[in-house]
Amino acid sequence: MIKELSEKDLFQVAKIHKENLPSFLTEYPLSFIEKFYYFQIKRENQLLLGKIENGKLLGFVFGTDNVEKLYDNFISENKSYFYMNTFKTLLFHPKYFLLFAAKFFSKSFVSECKRQLVYIAVDQNLKTKGIGSELLQAFEEKWKGLNYYELEVESKNKAFDFYLKKGFYIVHQYNNWVEKKYLLGKYLHLLIIFTICNGIG
């Protein structure tokens, strides 16, 4: 069963995130990741869906219609907590200093679309069961009126080919001196292919 997740599911969300998603957020403590998702589900126009069987979360998908504010609002409302944990995380994972430096010195591409699928993750023991496809379909069906949306993916991410098979195309390629990333976009309704980011229905 795929459903919208609530506070009681967030520990499992954080655990799957930490074990399956290569990102800076993954390097934070489990409690930090759980707090991040708790903050997000309290905001409007965020979508957190999960596939649950027998009380166990098998995977989840998380999206927002205002990706620019996704981290800013979380940081501004949890400043001391965020900075303390970030400092500790960078101490243990200094490679991320380079990522921050790359973002600061590299010319950034800013998309006009603010609606984004932020994270999708499946329990690593179940990745051949089609759960990712189910979650993606449920995500697109749940946000009715969703005409176009985007997601970012690292070039080394094994899910890159999965997204291309699901109808995504490359919008922009980020080439900084630390990592290569792609911004992918997907139209859901070909009849309105020129309509981008009309708002969530």
N, C-alpha and C. Protein backbone atom coordinates (compact mmCIF):
# COMPACT_ATOMS: atom_id res chain seq x y z
N MET A 1 0.84 -1.19 0.00
CA MET A 1 0.00 0.00 0.00
C MET A 1 0.88 1.26 0.00
N ILE A 2 0.55 2.20 -0.87
CA ILE A 2 1.25 3.48 -0.90
C ILE A 2 0.34 4.54 -0.29
N LYS A 3 0.87 5.29 0.66
CA LYS A 3 0.07 6.30 1.35
C LYS A 3 0.94 7.49 1.72
N GLU A 4 0.27 8.59 2.09
CA GLU A 4 1.00 9.74 2.62
C GLU A 4 1.52 9.38 4.00
N LEU A 5 2.76 9.72 4.25
CA LEU A 5 3.39 9.35 5.51
C LEU A 5 3.17 10.42 6.57
N SER A 6 3.22 9.98 7.82
CA SER A 6 3.00 10.88 8.95
C SER A 6 4.20 10.82 9.89
N GLU A 7 4.07 11.53 10.99
CA GLU A 7 5.17 11.63 11.95
C GLU A 7 5.65 10.26 12.44
N LYS A 8 4.74 9.34 12.62
CA LYS A 8 5.11 8.03 13.16
C LYS A 8 5.97 7.21 12.18
N ASP A 9 5.98 7.62 10.90
CA ASP A 9 6.75 6.89 9.89
C ASP A 9 8.15 7.45 9.67
N LEU A 10 8.45 8.58 10.31
CA LEU A 10 9.65 9.33 9.93
C LEU A 10 10.96 8.66 10.33
N PHE A 11 10.95 7.87 11.39
CA PHE A 11 12.17 7.17 11.75
C PHE A 11 12.55 6.20 10.63
N GLN A 12 11.56 5.48 10.09
CA GLN A 12 11.82 4.56 8.99
C GLN A 12 12.26 5.30 7.73
N VAL A 13 11.65 6.48 7.49
CA VAL A 13 12.06 7.31 6.35
C VAL A 13 13.53 7.69 6.47
N ALA A 14 13.90 8.18 7.66
CA ALA A 14 15.28 8.60 7.90
C ALA A 14 16.25 7.44 7.72
N LYS A 15 15.85 6.28 8.19
CA LYS A 15 16.72 5.10 8.11
C LYS A 15 16.94 4.69 6.65
N ILE A 16 15.88 4.66 5.85
CA ILE A 16 16.02 4.30 4.44
C ILE A 16 16.84 5.37 3.71
N HIS A 17 16.59 6.63 4.05
CA HIS A 17 17.37 7.71 3.43
C HIS A 17 18.86 7.51 3.72
N LYS A 18 19.19 7.31 4.97
CA LYS A 18 20.60 7.21 5.36
C LYS A 18 21.29 6.01 4.74
N GLU A 19 20.56 4.93 4.57
CA GLU A 19 21.17 3.70 4.05
C GLU A 19 21.21 3.62 2.52
N ASN A 20 20.44 4.49 1.84
CA ASN A 20 20.28 4.29 0.39
C ASN A 20 20.51 5.52 -0.48
N LEU A 21 20.66 6.70 0.11
CA LEU A 21 20.81 7.90 -0.71
C LEU A 21 22.18 8.54 -0.50
N PRO A 22 23.01 8.56 -1.52
CA PRO A 22 24.31 9.23 -1.39
C PRO A 22 24.15 10.75 -1.50
N SER A 23 24.23 11.44 -0.38
CA SER A 23 24.10 12.90 -0.37
C SER A 23 24.69 13.44 0.92
N PHE A 24 24.85 14.74 0.98
CA PHE A 24 25.40 15.35 2.19
C PHE A 24 24.45 15.13 3.37
N LEU A 25 23.14 15.22 3.12
CA LEU A 25 22.17 15.01 4.20
C LEU A 25 22.32 13.62 4.81
N THR A 26 22.70 12.64 4.01
CA THR A 26 22.87 11.28 4.48
C THR A 26 23.95 11.17 5.55
N GLU A 27 24.93 12.07 5.52
CA GLU A 27 26.04 12.01 6.46
C GLU A 27 25.67 12.53 7.86
N TYR A 28 24.54 13.19 7.96
CA TYR A 28 24.09 13.67 9.27
C TYR A 28 23.59 12.50 10.13
N PRO A 29 23.48 12.71 11.44
CA PRO A 29 22.91 11.65 12.29
C PRO A 29 21.47 11.34 11.90
N LEU A 30 21.04 10.14 12.22
CA LEU A 30 19.67 9.70 11.91
C LEU A 30 18.64 10.66 12.48
N SER A 31 18.89 11.15 13.69
CA SER A 31 17.94 12.06 14.35
C SER A 31 17.80 13.37 13.57
N PHE A 32 18.89 13.82 12.95
CA PHE A 32 18.85 15.06 12.16
C PHE A 32 17.99 14.86 10.91
N ILE A 33 18.18 13.73 10.23
CA ILE A 33 17.40 13.45 9.02
C ILE A 33 15.92 13.34 9.37
N GLU A 34 15.63 12.69 10.49
CA GLU A 34 14.24 12.56 10.93
C GLU A 34 13.63 13.93 11.21
N LYS A 35 14.40 14.80 11.84
CA LYS A 35 13.93 16.15 12.14
C LYS A 35 13.68 16.94 10.86
N PHE A 36 14.53 16.75 9.86
CA PHE A 36 14.37 17.42 8.57
C PHE A 36 13.02 17.06 7.95
N TYR A 37 12.69 15.77 7.93
CA TYR A 37 11.42 15.35 7.34
C TYR A 37 10.23 15.77 8.19
N TYR A 38 10.41 15.78 9.50
CA TYR A 38 9.32 16.25 10.37
C TYR A 38 8.98 17.70 10.04
N PHE A 39 10.00 18.51 9.84
CA PHE A 39 9.79 19.91 9.49
C PHE A 39 9.06 20.02 8.15
N GLN A 40 9.43 19.19 7.20
CA GLN A 40 8.86 19.28 5.86
C GLN A 40 7.38 18.90 5.82
N ILE A 41 6.98 17.86 6.54
CA ILE A 41 5.58 17.44 6.45
C ILE A 41 4.64 18.42 7.15
N LYS A 42 5.18 19.36 7.91
CA LYS A 42 4.37 20.38 8.56
C LYS A 42 4.11 21.57 7.63
N ARG A 43 4.85 21.63 6.53
CA ARG A 43 4.70 22.74 5.59
C ARG A 43 3.65 22.40 4.53
N GLU A 44 3.11 23.42 3.91
CA GLU A 44 2.12 23.21 2.85
C GLU A 44 2.83 22.82 1.55
N ASN A 45 2.10 22.10 0.74
CA ASN A 45 2.56 21.74 -0.61
C ASN A 45 3.87 20.96 -0.62
N GLN A 46 4.04 20.10 0.38
CA GLN A 46 5.11 19.12 0.37
C GLN A 46 4.41 17.75 0.27
N LEU A 47 5.04 16.82 -0.38
CA LEU A 47 4.42 15.51 -0.55
C LEU A 47 5.41 14.42 -0.16
N LEU A 48 5.03 13.62 0.83
CA LEU A 48 5.87 12.51 1.28
C LEU A 48 5.02 11.25 1.26
N LEU A 49 5.31 10.37 0.29
CA LEU A 49 4.58 9.13 0.13
C LEU A 49 5.49 7.95 0.42
N GLY A 50 4.91 6.87 0.91
CA GLY A 50 5.70 5.69 1.17
C GLY A 50 4.93 4.42 0.85
N LYS A 51 5.65 3.37 0.53
CA LYS A 51 5.04 2.05 0.33
C LYS A 51 5.28 1.25 1.61
N ILE A 52 4.17 0.81 2.20
CA ILE A 52 4.24 0.10 3.48
C ILE A 52 3.59 -1.27 3.34
N GLU A 53 4.26 -2.27 3.86
CA GLU A 53 3.71 -3.63 3.94
C GLU A 53 3.97 -4.18 5.33
N ASN A 54 2.90 -4.63 5.97
CA ASN A 54 3.00 -5.20 7.32
C ASN A 54 3.70 -4.26 8.29
N GLY A 55 3.39 -2.98 8.16
CA GLY A 55 3.95 -1.99 9.08
C GLY A 55 5.37 -1.57 8.76
N LYS A 56 5.97 -2.13 7.72
CA LYS A 56 7.35 -1.79 7.37
C LYS A 56 7.39 -0.91 6.13
N LEU A 57 8.16 0.16 6.21
CA LEU A 57 8.33 1.05 5.07
C LEU A 57 9.35 0.44 4.11
N LEU A 58 8.95 0.28 2.85
CA LEU A 58 9.83 -0.32 1.84
C LEU A 58 10.54 0.74 0.99
N GLY A 59 9.94 1.91 0.92
CA GLY A 59 10.52 2.99 0.13
C GLY A 59 9.67 4.23 0.26
N PHE A 60 10.21 5.36 -0.17
CA PHE A 60 9.45 6.62 -0.07
C PHE A 60 9.85 7.56 -1.20
N VAL A 61 9.01 8.55 -1.43
CA VAL A 61 9.29 9.61 -2.39
C VAL A 61 8.87 10.92 -1.75
N PHE A 62 9.69 11.95 -1.92
CA PHE A 62 9.43 13.24 -1.30
C PHE A 62 9.58 14.34 -2.34
N GLY A 63 8.59 15.23 -2.41
CA GLY A 63 8.64 16.34 -3.36
C GLY A 63 8.13 17.63 -2.76
N THR A 64 8.48 18.74 -3.41
CA THR A 64 8.07 20.06 -2.95
C THR A 64 7.72 20.93 -4.15
N ASP A 65 6.89 21.94 -3.93
CA ASP A 65 6.59 22.86 -5.02
C ASP A 65 7.33 24.18 -4.83
N ASN A 66 8.27 24.21 -3.88
CA ASN A 66 9.09 25.40 -3.69
C ASN A 66 10.49 24.98 -3.25
N VAL A 67 11.23 24.44 -4.19
CA VAL A 67 12.53 23.85 -3.85
C VAL A 67 13.52 24.90 -3.34
N GLU A 68 13.35 26.16 -3.75
CA GLU A 68 14.27 27.21 -3.29
C GLU A 68 14.19 27.41 -1.78
N LYS A 69 13.01 27.19 -1.21
CA LYS A 69 12.81 27.43 0.22
C LYS A 69 12.96 26.15 1.05
N LEU A 70 13.21 25.04 0.40
CA LEU A 70 13.22 23.75 1.08
C LEU A 70 14.20 23.72 2.25
N TYR A 71 15.43 24.11 2.00
CA TYR A 71 16.45 24.06 3.04
C TYR A 71 16.54 25.37 3.81
N ASP A 72 16.26 26.49 3.13
CA ASP A 72 16.36 27.79 3.78
C ASP A 72 15.46 27.88 5.01
N ASN A 73 14.21 27.47 4.86
CA ASN A 73 13.27 27.55 5.98
C ASN A 73 13.66 26.61 7.11
N PHE A 74 14.14 25.44 6.76
CA PHE A 74 14.57 24.49 7.79
C PHE A 74 15.74 25.04 8.58
N ILE A 75 16.70 25.62 7.87
CA ILE A 75 17.88 26.18 8.54
C ILE A 75 17.51 27.37 9.40
N SER A 76 16.67 28.27 8.87
CA SER A 76 16.33 29.48 9.61
C SER A 76 15.57 29.19 10.90
N GLU A 77 14.83 28.11 10.92
CA GLU A 77 14.06 27.77 12.12
C GLU A 77 14.81 26.83 13.07
N ASN A 78 15.97 26.35 12.62
CA ASN A 78 16.77 25.42 13.45
C ASN A 78 18.25 25.79 13.39
N LYS A 79 18.55 27.07 13.51
CA LYS A 79 19.90 27.56 13.23
C LYS A 79 20.98 26.88 14.07
N SER A 80 20.86 26.97 15.39
CA SER A 80 21.92 26.43 16.25
C SER A 80 22.05 24.91 16.06
N TYR A 81 20.91 24.24 15.95
CA TYR A 81 20.91 22.79 15.74
C TYR A 81 21.57 22.45 14.41
N PHE A 82 21.23 23.21 13.37
CA PHE A 82 21.78 22.95 12.05
C PHE A 82 23.28 23.19 12.02
N TYR A 83 23.73 24.33 12.52
CA TYR A 83 25.15 24.65 12.44
C TYR A 83 26.00 23.71 13.28
N MET A 84 25.51 23.32 14.42
CA MET A 84 26.25 22.40 15.28
C MET A 84 26.44 21.05 14.56
N ASN A 85 25.36 20.53 14.02
CA ASN A 85 25.43 19.23 13.34
C ASN A 85 26.21 19.31 12.03
N THR A 86 26.12 20.43 11.34
CA THR A 86 26.86 20.60 10.09
C THR A 86 28.36 20.64 10.37
N PHE A 87 28.74 21.36 11.41
CA PHE A 87 30.15 21.44 11.78
C PHE A 87 30.70 20.04 12.10
N LYS A 88 29.96 19.27 12.87
CA LYS A 88 30.39 17.92 13.23
C LYS A 88 30.48 17.04 11.98
N THR A 89 29.51 17.17 11.10
CA THR A 89 29.48 16.34 9.89
C THR A 89 30.66 16.66 8.98
N LEU A 90 30.97 17.95 8.84
CA LEU A 90 32.09 18.34 8.00
C LEU A 90 33.43 17.90 8.58
N LEU A 91 33.51 17.84 9.89
CA LEU A 91 34.74 17.35 10.52
C LEU A 91 35.02 15.90 10.15
N PHE A 92 33.97 15.11 10.09
CA PHE A 92 34.13 13.69 9.77
C PHE A 92 34.13 13.42 8.27
N HIS A 93 33.62 14.38 7.49
CA HIS A 93 33.54 14.20 6.03
C HIS A 93 34.02 15.47 5.35
N PRO A 94 35.32 15.75 5.44
CA PRO A 94 35.86 17.01 4.90
C PRO A 94 35.71 17.17 3.39
N LYS A 95 35.44 16.09 2.67
CA LYS A 95 35.28 16.22 1.21
C LYS A 95 34.14 17.18 0.86
N TYR A 96 33.19 17.32 1.78
CA TYR A 96 32.05 18.20 1.49
C TYR A 96 32.42 19.68 1.56
N PHE A 97 33.55 19.99 2.17
CA PHE A 97 34.04 21.37 2.09
C PHE A 97 34.26 21.75 0.63
N LEU A 98 34.77 20.80 -0.15
CA LEU A 98 35.01 21.04 -1.57
C LEU A 98 33.70 21.27 -2.32
N LEU A 99 32.66 20.53 -1.94
CA LEU A 99 31.37 20.71 -2.60
C LEU A 99 30.81 22.10 -2.35
N PHE A 100 30.91 22.56 -1.10
CA PHE A 100 30.44 23.90 -0.77
C PHE A 100 31.25 24.95 -1.52
N ALA A 101 32.56 24.74 -1.58
CA ALA A 101 33.42 25.68 -2.30
C ALA A 101 33.07 25.70 -3.78
N ALA A 102 32.80 24.54 -4.34
CA ALA A 102 32.45 24.45 -5.77
C ALA A 102 31.16 25.21 -6.06
N LYS A 103 30.19 25.08 -5.18
CA LYS A 103 28.92 25.78 -5.38
C LYS A 103 29.10 27.29 -5.26
N PHE A 104 30.02 27.69 -4.39
CA PHE A 104 30.25 29.12 -4.18
C PHE A 104 30.94 29.75 -5.38
N PHE A 105 31.92 29.05 -5.94
CA PHE A 105 32.73 29.62 -7.02
C PHE A 105 32.20 29.30 -8.41
N SER A 106 31.35 28.29 -8.53
CA SER A 106 30.82 27.93 -9.85
C SER A 106 29.60 28.77 -10.19
N LYS A 107 29.46 29.08 -11.47
CA LYS A 107 28.27 29.78 -11.92
C LYS A 107 27.09 28.84 -11.87
N SER A 108 26.05 29.25 -11.17
CA SER A 108 24.92 28.35 -10.96
C SER A 108 23.81 28.58 -11.98
N PHE A 109 23.16 27.50 -12.34
CA PHE A 109 22.00 27.55 -13.23
C PHE A 109 20.75 27.59 -12.36
N VAL A 110 19.85 28.50 -12.63
CA VAL A 110 18.62 28.63 -11.85
C VAL A 110 17.44 28.30 -12.75
N SER A 111 16.72 27.26 -12.41
CA SER A 111 15.56 26.85 -13.19
C SER A 111 14.35 27.70 -12.81
N GLU A 112 13.47 27.90 -13.77
CA GLU A 112 12.23 28.63 -13.49
C GLU A 112 11.23 27.76 -12.76
N CYS A 113 11.40 26.45 -12.85
CA CYS A 113 10.47 25.53 -12.20
C CYS A 113 10.90 25.28 -10.76
N LYS A 114 10.01 25.51 -9.83
CA LYS A 114 10.31 25.33 -8.41
C LYS A 114 9.77 24.01 -7.86
N ARG A 115 9.04 23.29 -8.71
CA ARG A 115 8.46 22.02 -8.27
C ARG A 115 9.44 20.90 -8.55
N GLN A 116 9.79 20.17 -7.51
CA GLN A 116 10.84 19.18 -7.69
C GLN A 116 10.59 17.92 -6.87
N LEU A 117 10.92 16.80 -7.48
CA LEU A 117 11.01 15.56 -6.73
C LEU A 117 12.39 15.61 -6.07
N VAL A 118 12.41 15.67 -4.75
CA VAL A 118 13.66 15.91 -4.03
C VAL A 118 14.40 14.61 -3.75
N TYR A 119 13.68 13.63 -3.20
CA TYR A 119 14.31 12.35 -2.85
C TYR A 119 13.36 11.21 -3.16
N ILE A 120 13.91 10.13 -3.67
CA ILE A 120 13.18 8.88 -3.80
C ILE A 120 14.16 7.77 -3.43
N ALA A 121 13.75 6.89 -2.54
CA ALA A 121 14.65 5.84 -2.06
C ALA A 121 13.87 4.57 -1.76
N VAL A 122 14.52 3.45 -2.02
CA VAL A 122 13.93 2.14 -1.78
C VAL A 122 14.93 1.32 -0.97
N ASP A 123 14.42 0.53 -0.05
CA ASP A 123 15.26 -0.38 0.72
C ASP A 123 16.17 -1.15 -0.24
N GLN A 124 17.47 -1.13 0.02
CA GLN A 124 18.45 -1.71 -0.90
C GLN A 124 18.23 -3.20 -1.17
N ASN A 125 17.54 -3.88 -0.29
CA ASN A 125 17.26 -5.30 -0.49
C ASN A 125 16.06 -5.54 -1.41
N LEU A 126 15.39 -4.45 -1.81
CA LEU A 126 14.15 -4.59 -2.59
C LEU A 126 14.19 -3.83 -3.90
N LYS A 127 15.37 -3.45 -4.35
CA LYS A 127 15.47 -2.54 -5.49
C LYS A 127 15.09 -3.17 -6.83
N THR A 128 14.92 -4.46 -6.88
CA THR A 128 14.51 -5.09 -8.14
C THR A 128 13.02 -5.46 -8.14
N LYS A 129 12.28 -4.94 -7.16
CA LYS A 129 10.87 -5.31 -7.01
C LYS A 129 9.90 -4.32 -7.66
N GLY A 130 10.41 -3.30 -8.33
CA GLY A 130 9.53 -2.34 -8.99
C GLY A 130 8.94 -1.30 -8.07
N ILE A 131 9.45 -1.19 -6.85
CA ILE A 131 8.88 -0.25 -5.87
C ILE A 131 9.15 1.19 -6.30
N GLY A 132 10.33 1.43 -6.87
CA GLY A 132 10.64 2.78 -7.33
C GLY A 132 9.65 3.26 -8.38
N SER A 133 9.29 2.38 -9.30
CA SER A 133 8.31 2.73 -10.34
C SER A 133 6.94 3.01 -9.74
N GLU A 134 6.55 2.20 -8.76
CA GLU A 134 5.27 2.41 -8.08
C GLU A 134 5.22 3.76 -7.38
N LEU A 135 6.30 4.09 -6.70
CA LEU A 135 6.36 5.35 -5.96
C LEU A 135 6.32 6.54 -6.91
N LEU A 136 7.04 6.44 -8.02
CA LEU A 136 7.05 7.53 -8.99
C LEU A 136 5.67 7.73 -9.59
N GLN A 137 4.98 6.65 -9.92
CA GLN A 137 3.63 6.74 -10.47
C GLN A 137 2.66 7.35 -9.46
N ALA A 138 2.77 6.92 -8.21
CA ALA A 138 1.90 7.44 -7.16
C ALA A 138 2.16 8.93 -6.93
N PHE A 139 3.42 9.32 -6.98
CA PHE A 139 3.80 10.72 -6.83
C PHE A 139 3.13 11.58 -7.89
N GLU A 140 3.18 11.11 -9.14
CA GLU A 140 2.62 11.88 -10.24
C GLU A 140 1.09 11.89 -10.20
N GLU A 141 0.48 10.81 -9.74
CA GLU A 141 -0.98 10.75 -9.64
C GLU A 141 -1.50 11.58 -8.47
N LYS A 142 -0.74 11.61 -7.40
CA LYS A 142 -1.20 12.32 -6.19
C LYS A 142 -1.25 13.82 -6.41
N TRP A 143 -0.26 14.35 -7.10
CA TRP A 143 -0.27 15.77 -7.40
C TRP A 143 -0.97 15.98 -8.73
N LYS A 144 -2.28 15.90 -8.68
CA LYS A 144 -3.09 16.06 -9.90
C LYS A 144 -2.92 17.48 -10.43
N GLY A 145 -2.85 17.61 -11.72
CA GLY A 145 -2.59 18.91 -12.32
C GLY A 145 -1.11 19.19 -12.45
N LEU A 146 -0.30 18.23 -12.05
CA LEU A 146 1.15 18.36 -12.18
C LEU A 146 1.51 18.21 -13.65
N ASN A 147 1.91 19.30 -14.29
CA ASN A 147 2.18 19.25 -15.71
C ASN A 147 3.65 18.98 -16.02
N TYR A 148 4.50 19.49 -15.17
CA TYR A 148 5.94 19.39 -15.40
C TYR A 148 6.65 19.49 -14.06
N TYR A 149 7.68 18.72 -13.88
CA TYR A 149 8.49 18.85 -12.67
C TYR A 149 9.91 18.40 -12.96
N GLU A 150 10.78 18.65 -12.01
CA GLU A 150 12.20 18.37 -12.22
C GLU A 150 12.79 17.60 -11.04
N LEU A 151 13.98 17.09 -11.24
CA LEU A 151 14.76 16.49 -10.16
C LEU A 151 16.23 16.60 -10.51
N GLU A 152 17.07 16.60 -9.48
CA GLU A 152 18.51 16.60 -9.68
C GLU A 152 19.06 15.21 -9.39
N VAL A 153 20.04 14.80 -10.17
CA VAL A 153 20.64 13.48 -9.96
C VAL A 153 22.13 13.56 -10.29
N GLU A 154 22.93 12.92 -9.46
CA GLU A 154 24.36 12.87 -9.71
C GLU A 154 24.63 11.93 -10.89
N SER A 155 25.67 12.23 -11.65
CA SER A 155 25.97 11.43 -12.83
C SER A 155 26.32 9.99 -12.47
N LYS A 156 26.83 9.78 -11.25
CA LYS A 156 27.21 8.43 -10.83
C LYS A 156 26.04 7.66 -10.21
N ASN A 157 24.93 8.33 -10.04
CA ASN A 157 23.77 7.69 -9.42
C ASN A 157 23.24 6.59 -10.34
N LYS A 158 23.08 5.40 -9.79
CA LYS A 158 22.61 4.26 -10.57
C LYS A 158 21.19 4.45 -11.08
N ALA A 159 20.46 5.39 -10.48
CA ALA A 159 19.07 5.62 -10.89
C ALA A 159 18.96 6.50 -12.13
N PHE A 160 20.08 7.01 -12.62
CA PHE A 160 20.04 7.93 -13.77
C PHE A 160 19.34 7.30 -14.97
N ASP A 161 19.71 6.09 -15.33
CA ASP A 161 19.08 5.41 -16.47
C ASP A 161 17.61 5.12 -16.20
N PHE A 162 17.29 4.84 -14.94
CA PHE A 162 15.89 4.61 -14.55
C PHE A 162 15.04 5.83 -14.88
N TYR A 163 15.54 7.02 -14.55
CA TYR A 163 14.79 8.24 -14.81
C TYR A 163 14.61 8.48 -16.30
N LEU A 164 15.64 8.23 -17.08
CA LEU A 164 15.52 8.43 -18.52
C LEU A 164 14.47 7.50 -19.12
N LYS A 165 14.41 6.27 -18.62
CA LYS A 165 13.41 5.32 -19.10
C LYS A 165 11.99 5.73 -18.70
N LYS A 166 11.89 6.53 -17.64
CA LYS A 166 10.58 6.97 -17.16
C LYS A 166 10.13 8.29 -17.78
N GLY A 167 10.84 8.74 -18.81
CA GLY A 167 10.38 9.91 -19.55
C GLY A 167 11.05 11.22 -19.20
N PHE A 168 12.06 11.19 -18.35
CA PHE A 168 12.79 12.41 -18.02
C PHE A 168 13.79 12.72 -19.13
N TYR A 169 14.12 13.99 -19.28
CA TYR A 169 15.14 14.40 -20.22
C TYR A 169 16.08 15.39 -19.52
N ILE A 170 17.26 15.57 -20.06
CA ILE A 170 18.25 16.44 -19.43
C ILE A 170 17.92 17.91 -19.72
N VAL A 171 17.73 18.68 -18.66
CA VAL A 171 17.46 20.11 -18.77
C VAL A 171 18.77 20.88 -18.72
N HIS A 172 19.63 20.45 -17.81
CA HIS A 172 20.91 21.15 -17.62
C HIS A 172 21.92 20.21 -17.00
N GLN A 173 23.17 20.40 -17.36
CA GLN A 173 24.26 19.62 -16.78
C GLN A 173 25.16 20.54 -15.97
N TYR A 174 25.30 20.22 -14.69
CA TYR A 174 26.17 20.99 -13.82
C TYR A 174 27.57 20.39 -13.87
N ASN A 175 28.54 21.17 -14.29
CA ASN A 175 29.91 20.67 -14.38
C ASN A 175 30.82 21.52 -13.49
N ASN A 176 30.80 21.25 -12.18
CA ASN A 176 31.80 21.92 -11.36
C ASN A 176 32.98 20.98 -11.19
N TRP A 177 33.99 21.42 -10.48
CA TRP A 177 35.24 20.65 -10.42
C TRP A 177 35.24 19.58 -9.35
N VAL A 178 34.10 19.32 -8.75
CA VAL A 178 34.03 18.25 -7.75
C VAL A 178 33.12 17.13 -8.21
N GLU A 179 31.97 17.46 -8.76
CA GLU A 179 31.02 16.43 -9.15
C GLU A 179 30.24 16.89 -10.38
N LYS A 180 29.66 15.93 -11.07
CA LYS A 180 28.80 16.23 -12.21
C LYS A 180 27.37 15.87 -11.83
N LYS A 181 26.47 16.81 -12.08
CA LYS A 181 25.06 16.59 -11.77
C LYS A 181 24.22 16.93 -12.99
N TYR A 182 23.04 16.32 -13.02
CA TYR A 182 22.08 16.65 -14.06
C TYR A 182 20.79 17.16 -13.43
N LEU A 183 20.21 18.16 -14.08
CA LEU A 183 18.85 18.56 -13.75
C LEU A 183 17.97 17.92 -14.82
N LEU A 184 17.05 17.07 -14.39
CA LEU A 184 16.16 16.37 -15.31
C LEU A 184 14.75 16.93 -15.21
N GLY A 185 14.05 16.96 -16.31
CA GLY A 185 12.67 17.43 -16.33
C GLY A 185 11.76 16.39 -16.96
N LYS A 186 10.48 16.49 -16.61
CA LYS A 186 9.52 15.54 -17.18
C LYS A 186 8.17 16.23 -17.39
N TYR A 187 7.65 16.12 -18.61
CA TYR A 187 6.30 16.57 -18.92
C TYR A 187 5.35 15.40 -18.75
N LEU A 188 4.23 15.65 -18.12
CA LEU A 188 3.25 14.58 -17.92
C LEU A 188 2.10 14.64 -18.91
N HIS A 189 1.89 15.80 -19.51
CA HIS A 189 0.78 15.96 -20.44
C HIS A 189 1.32 16.60 -21.71
N LEU A 190 1.44 15.84 -22.75
CA LEU A 190 2.05 16.34 -23.98
C LEU A 190 1.22 17.45 -24.63
N LEU A 191 -0.08 17.49 -24.36
CA LEU A 191 -0.92 18.51 -24.97
C LEU A 191 -0.61 19.90 -24.43
N ILE A 192 0.03 19.94 -23.27
CA ILE A 192 0.37 21.24 -22.69
C ILE A 192 1.88 21.31 -22.49
N ILE A 193 2.57 20.87 -23.49
CA ILE A 193 4.03 20.75 -23.37
C ILE A 193 4.72 22.10 -23.18
N PHE A 194 4.03 23.19 -23.55
CA PHE A 194 4.65 24.49 -23.38
C PHE A 194 4.27 25.14 -22.04
N THR A 195 3.49 24.45 -21.27
CA THR A 195 3.09 24.97 -19.98
C THR A 195 4.01 24.42 -18.91
N ILE A 196 4.73 25.29 -18.24
CA ILE A 196 5.68 24.87 -17.23
C ILE A 196 5.30 25.48 -15.89
N CYS A 197 5.18 24.65 -14.88
CA CYS A 197 4.97 25.11 -13.51
C CYS A 197 3.74 25.99 -13.38
N ASN A 198 2.56 25.45 -13.71
CA ASN A 198 1.32 26.21 -13.57
C ASN A 198 0.81 26.27 -12.16
N GLY A 199 1.40 25.50 -11.28
CA GLY A 199 0.89 25.39 -9.91
C GLY A 199 0.28 24.03 -9.70
N ILE A 200 0.20 23.62 -8.48
CA ILE A 200 -0.31 22.31 -8.14
C ILE A 200 -1.82 22.36 -8.06
N GLY A 201 -2.47 21.39 -8.72
CA GLY A 201 -3.92 21.35 -8.70
C GLY A 201 -4.44 20.72 -7.44
